Amino acid sequence: MTVVMVLERSMIKSMNEIKGTDMKNHFRASIVKSGIRIAGCYFLMTHQFVMAGVMLAVAEFVGILEEVV
């Protein structure tokens, strides 16, 4: 076995161990972000531009947190 093959197996094992809870948290954050964006679109359609901007900005912050989770 080469060093590269050993490293690849090690990385795959680590990724599989992490996937379980991280994937669930990532999915939940993604759903929350989508809901906030939909709310932002609603405010945009009802001409409440300040609230639309706030909601879309909050969605971006949730997107940043989503990548951390």
PDB file of N, CA and C in Angstrom:
ATOM      1  N   MET A   1       0.831  -1.185   0.000  1.00  0.00           N
ATOM      2  CA  MET A   1       0.000   0.000   0.000  1.00  0.00           C
ATOM      3  C   MET A   1       0.872   1.244   0.000  1.00  0.00           C
ATOM      4  N   THR A   2       0.443   2.192  -0.766  1.00  0.00           N
ATOM      5  CA  THR A   2       1.204   3.432  -0.793  1.00  0.00           C
ATOM      6  C   THR A   2       0.689   4.371   0.290  1.00  0.00           C
ATOM      7  N   VAL A   3       1.446   5.404   0.542  1.00  0.00           N
ATOM      8  CA  VAL A   3       1.060   6.396   1.554  1.00  0.00           C
ATOM      9  C   VAL A   3      -0.244   7.077   1.150  1.00  0.00           C
ATOM     10  N   VAL A   4      -0.404   7.319  -0.130  1.00  0.00           N
ATOM     11  CA  VAL A   4      -1.622   7.983  -0.615  1.00  0.00           C
ATOM     12  C   VAL A   4      -2.848   7.128  -0.332  1.00  0.00           C
ATOM     13  N   MET A   5      -2.741   5.830  -0.564  1.00  0.00           N
ATOM     14  CA  MET A   5      -3.874   4.935  -0.324  1.00  0.00           C
ATOM     15  C   MET A   5      -4.238   4.899   1.153  1.00  0.00           C
ATOM     16  N   VAL A   6      -3.245   4.897   2.019  1.00  0.00           N
ATOM     17  CA  VAL A   6      -3.499   4.894   3.459  1.00  0.00           C
ATOM     18  C   VAL A   6      -4.198   6.178   3.875  1.00  0.00           C
ATOM     19  N   LEU A   7      -3.724   7.300   3.344  1.00  0.00           N
ATOM     20  CA  LEU A   7      -4.353   8.587   3.661  1.00  0.00           C
ATOM     21  C   LEU A   7      -5.781   8.654   3.146  1.00  0.00           C
ATOM     22  N   GLU A   8      -6.015   8.142   1.945  1.00  0.00           N
ATOM     23  CA  GLU A   8      -7.369   8.156   1.390  1.00  0.00           C
ATOM     24  C   GLU A   8      -8.319   7.345   2.257  1.00  0.00           C
ATOM     25  N   ARG A   9      -7.886   6.158   2.668  1.00  0.00           N
ATOM     26  CA  ARG A   9      -8.740   5.323   3.523  1.00  0.00           C
ATOM     27  C   ARG A   9      -9.017   6.008   4.856  1.00  0.00           C
ATOM     28  N   SER A  10      -8.014   6.643   5.401  1.00  0.00           N
ATOM     29  CA  SER A  10      -8.173   7.352   6.665  1.00  0.00           C
ATOM     30  C   SER A  10      -9.166   8.505   6.528  1.00  0.00           C
ATOM     31  N   MET A  11      -9.059   9.249   5.429  1.00  0.00           N
ATOM     32  CA  MET A  11      -9.957  10.381   5.202  1.00  0.00           C
ATOM     33  C   MET A  11     -11.387   9.905   4.996  1.00  0.00           C
ATOM     34  N   ILE A  12     -11.563   8.830   4.235  1.00  0.00           N
ATOM     35  CA  ILE A  12     -12.906   8.305   3.986  1.00  0.00           C
ATOM     36  C   ILE A  12     -13.533   7.838   5.289  1.00  0.00           C
ATOM     37  N   LYS A  13     -12.771   7.165   6.128  1.00  0.00           N
ATOM     38  CA  LYS A  13     -13.284   6.703   7.419  1.00  0.00           C
ATOM     39  C   LYS A  13     -13.689   7.894   8.281  1.00  0.00           C
ATOM     40  N   SER A  14     -12.861   8.928   8.313  1.00  0.00           N
ATOM     41  CA  SER A  14     -13.178  10.121   9.104  1.00  0.00           C
ATOM     42  C   SER A  14     -14.432  10.804   8.585  1.00  0.00           C
ATOM     43  N   MET A  15     -14.553  10.910   7.261  1.00  0.00           N
ATOM     44  CA  MET A  15     -15.723  11.566   6.675  1.00  0.00           C
ATOM     45  C   MET A  15     -16.992  10.793   6.989  1.00  0.00           C
ATOM     46  N   ASN A  16     -16.926   9.474   6.938  1.00  0.00           N
ATOM     47  CA  ASN A  16     -18.106   8.667   7.238  1.00  0.00           C
ATOM     48  C   ASN A  16     -18.527   8.802   8.697  1.00  0.00           C
ATOM     49  N   GLU A  17     -17.580   8.942   9.604  1.00  0.00           N
ATOM     50  CA  GLU A  17     -17.906   9.116  11.016  1.00  0.00           C
ATOM     51  C   GLU A  17     -18.577  10.465  11.251  1.00  0.00           C
ATOM     52  N   ILE A  18     -18.158  11.473  10.522  1.00  0.00           N
ATOM     53  CA  ILE A  18     -18.677  12.831  10.706  1.00  0.00           C
ATOM     54  C   ILE A  18     -20.047  12.993  10.060  1.00  0.00           C
ATOM     55  N   LYS A  19     -20.303  12.285   8.967  1.00  0.00           N
ATOM     56  CA  LYS A  19     -21.489  12.504   8.147  1.00  0.00           C
ATOM     57  C   LYS A  19     -22.807  12.459   8.913  1.00  0.00           C
ATOM     58  N   GLY A  20     -22.990  11.521   9.815  1.00  0.00           N
ATOM     59  CA  GLY A  20     -24.277  11.309  10.469  1.00  0.00           C
ATOM     60  C   GLY A  20     -24.906  12.557  11.042  1.00  0.00           C
ATOM     61  N   THR A  21     -24.342  13.118  12.092  1.00  0.00           N
ATOM     62  CA  THR A  21     -24.948  14.275  12.738  1.00  0.00           C
ATOM     63  C   THR A  21     -24.734  15.550  11.937  1.00  0.00           C
ATOM     64  N   ASP A  22     -23.584  15.675  11.284  1.00  0.00           N
ATOM     65  CA  ASP A  22     -23.321  16.888  10.515  1.00  0.00           C
ATOM     66  C   ASP A  22     -24.293  17.042   9.362  1.00  0.00           C
ATOM     67  N   MET A  23     -24.628  15.946   8.710  1.00  0.00           N
ATOM     68  CA  MET A  23     -25.566  16.028   7.588  1.00  0.00           C
ATOM     69  C   MET A  23     -26.947  16.457   8.074  1.00  0.00           C
ATOM     70  N   LYS A  24     -27.364  15.950   9.222  1.00  0.00           N
ATOM     71  CA  LYS A  24     -28.669  16.338   9.768  1.00  0.00           C
ATOM     72  C   LYS A  24     -28.683  17.808  10.133  1.00  0.00           C
ATOM     73  N   ASN A  25     -27.618  18.280  10.799  1.00  0.00           N
ATOM     74  CA  ASN A  25     -27.561  19.693  11.178  1.00  0.00           C
ATOM     75  C   ASN A  25     -27.472  20.584   9.952  1.00  0.00           C
ATOM     76  N   HIS A  26     -26.730  20.165   8.943  1.00  0.00           N
ATOM     77  CA  HIS A  26     -26.611  20.935   7.707  1.00  0.00           C
ATOM     78  C   HIS A  26     -27.963  21.032   7.015  1.00  0.00           C
ATOM     79  N   PHE A  27     -28.694  19.915   6.988  1.00  0.00           N
ATOM     80  CA  PHE A  27     -30.016  19.890   6.366  1.00  0.00           C
ATOM     81  C   PHE A  27     -30.984  20.810   7.107  1.00  0.00           C
ATOM     82  N   ARG A  28     -30.965  20.745   8.429  1.00  0.00           N
ATOM     83  CA  ARG A  28     -31.858  21.600   9.218  1.00  0.00           C
ATOM     84  C   ARG A  28     -31.555  23.071   8.992  1.00  0.00           C
ATOM     85  N   ALA A  29     -30.282  23.418   8.985  1.00  0.00           N
ATOM     86  CA  ALA A  29     -29.901  24.809   8.745  1.00  0.00           C
ATOM     87  C   ALA A  29     -30.332  25.245   7.350  1.00  0.00           C
ATOM     88  N   SER A  30     -30.237  24.358   6.400  1.00  0.00           N
ATOM     89  CA  SER A  30     -30.648  24.669   5.028  1.00  0.00           C
ATOM     90  C   SER A  30     -32.156  24.919   4.946  1.00  0.00           C
ATOM     91  N   ILE A  31     -32.934  24.112   5.654  1.00  0.00           N
ATOM     92  CA  ILE A  31     -34.393  24.301   5.669  1.00  0.00           C
ATOM     93  C   ILE A  31     -34.753  25.633   6.318  1.00  0.00           C
ATOM     94  N   VAL A  32     -34.098  25.964   7.426  1.00  0.00           N
ATOM     95  CA  VAL A  32     -34.345  27.242   8.104  1.00  0.00           C
ATOM     96  C   VAL A  32     -33.998  28.395   7.173  1.00  0.00           C
ATOM     97  N   LYS A  33     -32.851  28.289   6.507  1.00  0.00           N
ATOM     98  CA  LYS A  33     -32.420  29.340   5.582  1.00  0.00           C
ATOM     99  C   LYS A  33     -33.441  29.526   4.463  1.00  0.00           C
ATOM    100  N   SER A  34     -33.950  28.439   3.924  1.00  0.00           N
ATOM    101  CA  SER A  34     -34.947  28.524   2.852  1.00  0.00           C
ATOM    102  C   SER A  34     -36.231  29.180   3.346  1.00  0.00           C
ATOM    103  N   GLY A  35     -36.648  28.836   4.564  1.00  0.00           N
ATOM    104  CA  GLY A  35     -37.853  29.453   5.129  1.00  0.00           C
ATOM    105  C   GLY A  35     -37.676  30.950   5.314  1.00  0.00           C
ATOM    106  N   ILE A  36     -36.510  31.362   5.764  1.00  0.00           N
ATOM    107  CA  ILE A  36     -36.244  32.786   5.945  1.00  0.00           C
ATOM    108  C   ILE A  36     -36.240  33.499   4.596  1.00  0.00           C
ATOM    109  N   ARG A  37     -35.663  32.873   3.588  1.00  0.00           N
ATOM    110  CA  ARG A  37     -35.659  33.477   2.244  1.00  0.00           C
ATOM    111  C   ARG A  37     -37.072  33.605   1.692  1.00  0.00           C
ATOM    112  N   ILE A  38     -37.902  32.591   1.912  1.00  0.00           N
ATOM    113  CA  ILE A  38     -39.297  32.660   1.448  1.00  0.00           C
ATOM    114  C   ILE A  38     -40.015  33.808   2.149  1.00  0.00           C
ATOM    115  N   ALA A  39     -39.766  33.972   3.457  1.00  0.00           N
ATOM    116  CA  ALA A  39     -40.367  35.091   4.189  1.00  0.00           C
ATOM    117  C   ALA A  39     -39.868  36.415   3.619  1.00  0.00           C
ATOM    118  N   GLY A  40     -38.585  36.483   3.287  1.00  0.00           N
ATOM    119  CA  GLY A  40     -38.037  37.688   2.670  1.00  0.00           C
ATOM    120  C   GLY A  40     -38.705  38.001   1.344  1.00  0.00           C
ATOM    121  N   CYS A  41     -38.974  36.974   0.559  1.00  0.00           N
ATOM    122  CA  CYS A  41     -39.666  37.174  -0.723  1.00  0.00           C
ATOM    123  C   CYS A  41     -41.092  37.667  -0.503  1.00  0.00           C
ATOM    124  N   TYR A  42     -41.741  37.136   0.515  1.00  0.00           N
ATOM    125  CA  TYR A  42     -43.101  37.606   0.841  1.00  0.00           C
ATOM    126  C   TYR A  42     -43.077  39.103   1.157  1.00  0.00           C
ATOM    127  N   PHE A  43     -42.129  39.510   2.012  1.00  0.00           N
ATOM    128  CA  PHE A  43     -42.033  40.922   2.354  1.00  0.00           C
ATOM    129  C   PHE A  43     -41.710  41.769   1.133  1.00  0.00           C
ATOM    130  N   LEU A  44     -40.922  41.229   0.225  1.00  0.00           N
ATOM    131  CA  LEU A  44     -40.601  41.951  -0.998  1.00  0.00           C
ATOM    132  C   LEU A  44     -41.841  42.145  -1.866  1.00  0.00           C
ATOM    133  N   MET A  45     -42.664  41.112  -1.957  1.00  0.00           N
ATOM    134  CA  MET A  45     -43.878  41.197  -2.773  1.00  0.00           C
ATOM    135  C   MET A  45     -44.920  42.127  -2.163  1.00  0.00           C
ATOM    136  N   THR A  46     -44.884  42.290  -0.836  1.00  0.00           N
ATOM    137  CA  THR A  46     -45.849  43.179  -0.183  1.00  0.00           C
ATOM    138  C   THR A  46     -45.262  44.576   0.038  1.00  0.00           C
ATOM    139  N   HIS A  47     -44.166  44.866  -0.654  1.00  0.00           N
ATOM    140  CA  HIS A  47     -43.520  46.195  -0.649  1.00  0.00           C
ATOM    141  C   HIS A  47     -43.016  46.620   0.720  1.00  0.00           C
ATOM    142  N   GLN A  48     -42.658  45.660   1.543  1.00  0.00           N
ATOM    143  CA  GLN A  48     -42.042  45.957   2.835  1.00  0.00           C
ATOM    144  C   GLN A  48     -40.543  45.717   2.675  1.00  0.00           C
ATOM    145  N   PHE A  49     -39.903  46.683   2.023  1.00  0.00           N
ATOM    146  CA  PHE A  49     -38.528  46.496   1.574  1.00  0.00           C
ATOM    147  C   PHE A  49     -37.516  46.374   2.714  1.00  0.00           C
ATOM    148  N   VAL A  50     -37.734  47.094   3.792  1.00  0.00           N
ATOM    149  CA  VAL A  50     -36.805  47.006   4.912  1.00  0.00           C
ATOM    150  C   VAL A  50     -36.838  45.600   5.514  1.00  0.00           C
ATOM    151  N   MET A  51     -38.038  45.084   5.754  1.00  0.00           N
ATOM    152  CA  MET A  51     -38.160  43.735   6.313  1.00  0.00           C
ATOM    153  C   MET A  51     -37.608  42.693   5.342  1.00  0.00           C
ATOM    154  N   ALA A  52     -37.835  42.901   4.039  1.00  0.00           N
ATOM    155  CA  ALA A  52     -37.299  41.970   3.043  1.00  0.00           C
ATOM    156  C   ALA A  52     -35.778  41.956   3.118  1.00  0.00           C
ATOM    157  N   GLY A  53     -35.176  43.123   3.213  1.00  0.00           N
ATOM    158  CA  GLY A  53     -33.725  43.211   3.320  1.00  0.00           C
ATOM    159  C   GLY A  53     -33.208  42.552   4.582  1.00  0.00           C
ATOM    160  N   VAL A  54     -33.905  42.769   5.682  1.00  0.00           N
ATOM    161  CA  VAL A  54     -33.501  42.159   6.959  1.00  0.00           C
ATOM    162  C   VAL A  54     -33.574  40.638   6.858  1.00  0.00           C
ATOM    163  N   MET A  55     -34.666  40.132   6.314  1.00  0.00           N
ATOM    164  CA  MET A  55     -34.839  38.682   6.224  1.00  0.00           C
ATOM    165  C   MET A  55     -33.781  38.049   5.318  1.00  0.00           C
ATOM    166  N   LEU A  56     -33.489  38.700   4.198  1.00  0.00           N
ATOM    167  CA  LEU A  56     -32.491  38.141   3.296  1.00  0.00           C
ATOM    168  C   LEU A  56     -31.089  38.211   3.903  1.00  0.00           C
ATOM    169  N   ALA A  57     -30.812  39.261   4.676  1.00  0.00           N
ATOM    170  CA  ALA A  57     -29.523  39.352   5.369  1.00  0.00           C
ATOM    171  C   ALA A  57     -29.411  38.268   6.440  1.00  0.00           C
ATOM    172  N   VAL A  58     -30.495  38.040   7.172  1.00  0.00           N
ATOM    173  CA  VAL A  58     -30.492  36.988   8.194  1.00  0.00           C
ATOM    174  C   VAL A  58     -30.277  35.624   7.527  1.00  0.00           C
ATOM    175  N   ALA A  59     -30.894  35.423   6.367  1.00  0.00           N
ATOM    176  CA  ALA A  59     -30.717  34.160   5.642  1.00  0.00           C
ATOM    177  C   ALA A  59     -29.253  33.956   5.262  1.00  0.00           C
ATOM    178  N   GLU A  60     -28.568  35.029   4.920  1.00  0.00           N
ATOM    179  CA  GLU A  60     -27.148  34.909   4.585  1.00  0.00           C
ATOM    180  C   GLU A  60     -26.323  34.524   5.803  1.00  0.00           C
ATOM    181  N   PHE A  61     -26.651  35.097   6.949  1.00  0.00           N
ATOM    182  CA  PHE A  61     -25.949  34.719   8.177  1.00  0.00           C
ATOM    183  C   PHE A  61     -26.200  33.257   8.534  1.00  0.00           C
ATOM    184  N   VAL A  62     -27.431  32.802   8.330  1.00  0.00           N
ATOM    185  CA  VAL A  62     -27.739  31.389   8.572  1.00  0.00           C
ATOM    186  C   VAL A  62     -26.950  30.525   7.590  1.00  0.00           C
ATOM    187  N   GLY A  63     -26.781  31.010   6.361  1.00  0.00           N
ATOM    188  CA  GLY A  63     -25.988  30.269   5.385  1.00  0.00           C
ATOM    189  C   GLY A  63     -24.535  30.131   5.821  1.00  0.00           C
ATOM    190  N   ILE A  64     -23.997  31.168   6.434  1.00  0.00           N
ATOM    191  CA  ILE A  64     -22.632  31.096   6.958  1.00  0.00           C
ATOM    192  C   ILE A  64     -22.578  30.068   8.085  1.00  0.00           C
ATOM    193  N   LEU A  65     -23.549  30.124   8.983  1.00  0.00           N
ATOM    194  CA  LEU A  65     -23.592  29.144  10.079  1.00  0.00           C
ATOM    195  C   LEU A  65     -23.773  27.722   9.550  1.00  0.00           C
ATOM    196  N   GLU A  66     -24.529  27.603   8.466  1.00  0.00           N
ATOM    197  CA  GLU A  66     -24.760  26.294   7.852  1.00  0.00           C
ATOM    198  C   GLU A  66     -23.433  25.663   7.419  1.00  0.00           C
ATOM    199  N   GLU A  67     -22.550  26.467   6.885  1.00  0.00           N
ATOM    200  CA  GLU A  67     -21.256  25.945   6.448  1.00  0.00           C
ATOM    201  C   GLU A  67     -20.373  25.567   7.629  1.00  0.00           C
ATOM    202  N   VAL A  68     -20.547  26.258   8.760  1.00  0.00           N
ATOM    203  CA  VAL A  68     -19.776  25.940   9.952  1.00  0.00           C
ATOM    204  C   VAL A  68     -20.266  24.621  10.557  1.00  0.00           C
ATOM    205  N   VAL A  69     -21.578  24.417  10.535  1.00  0.00           N
ATOM    206  CA  VAL A  69     -22.174  23.193  11.097  1.00  0.00           C
ATOM    207  C   VAL A  69     -21.849  22.083  10.144  1.00  0.00           C
TER     208      VAL A  69
END
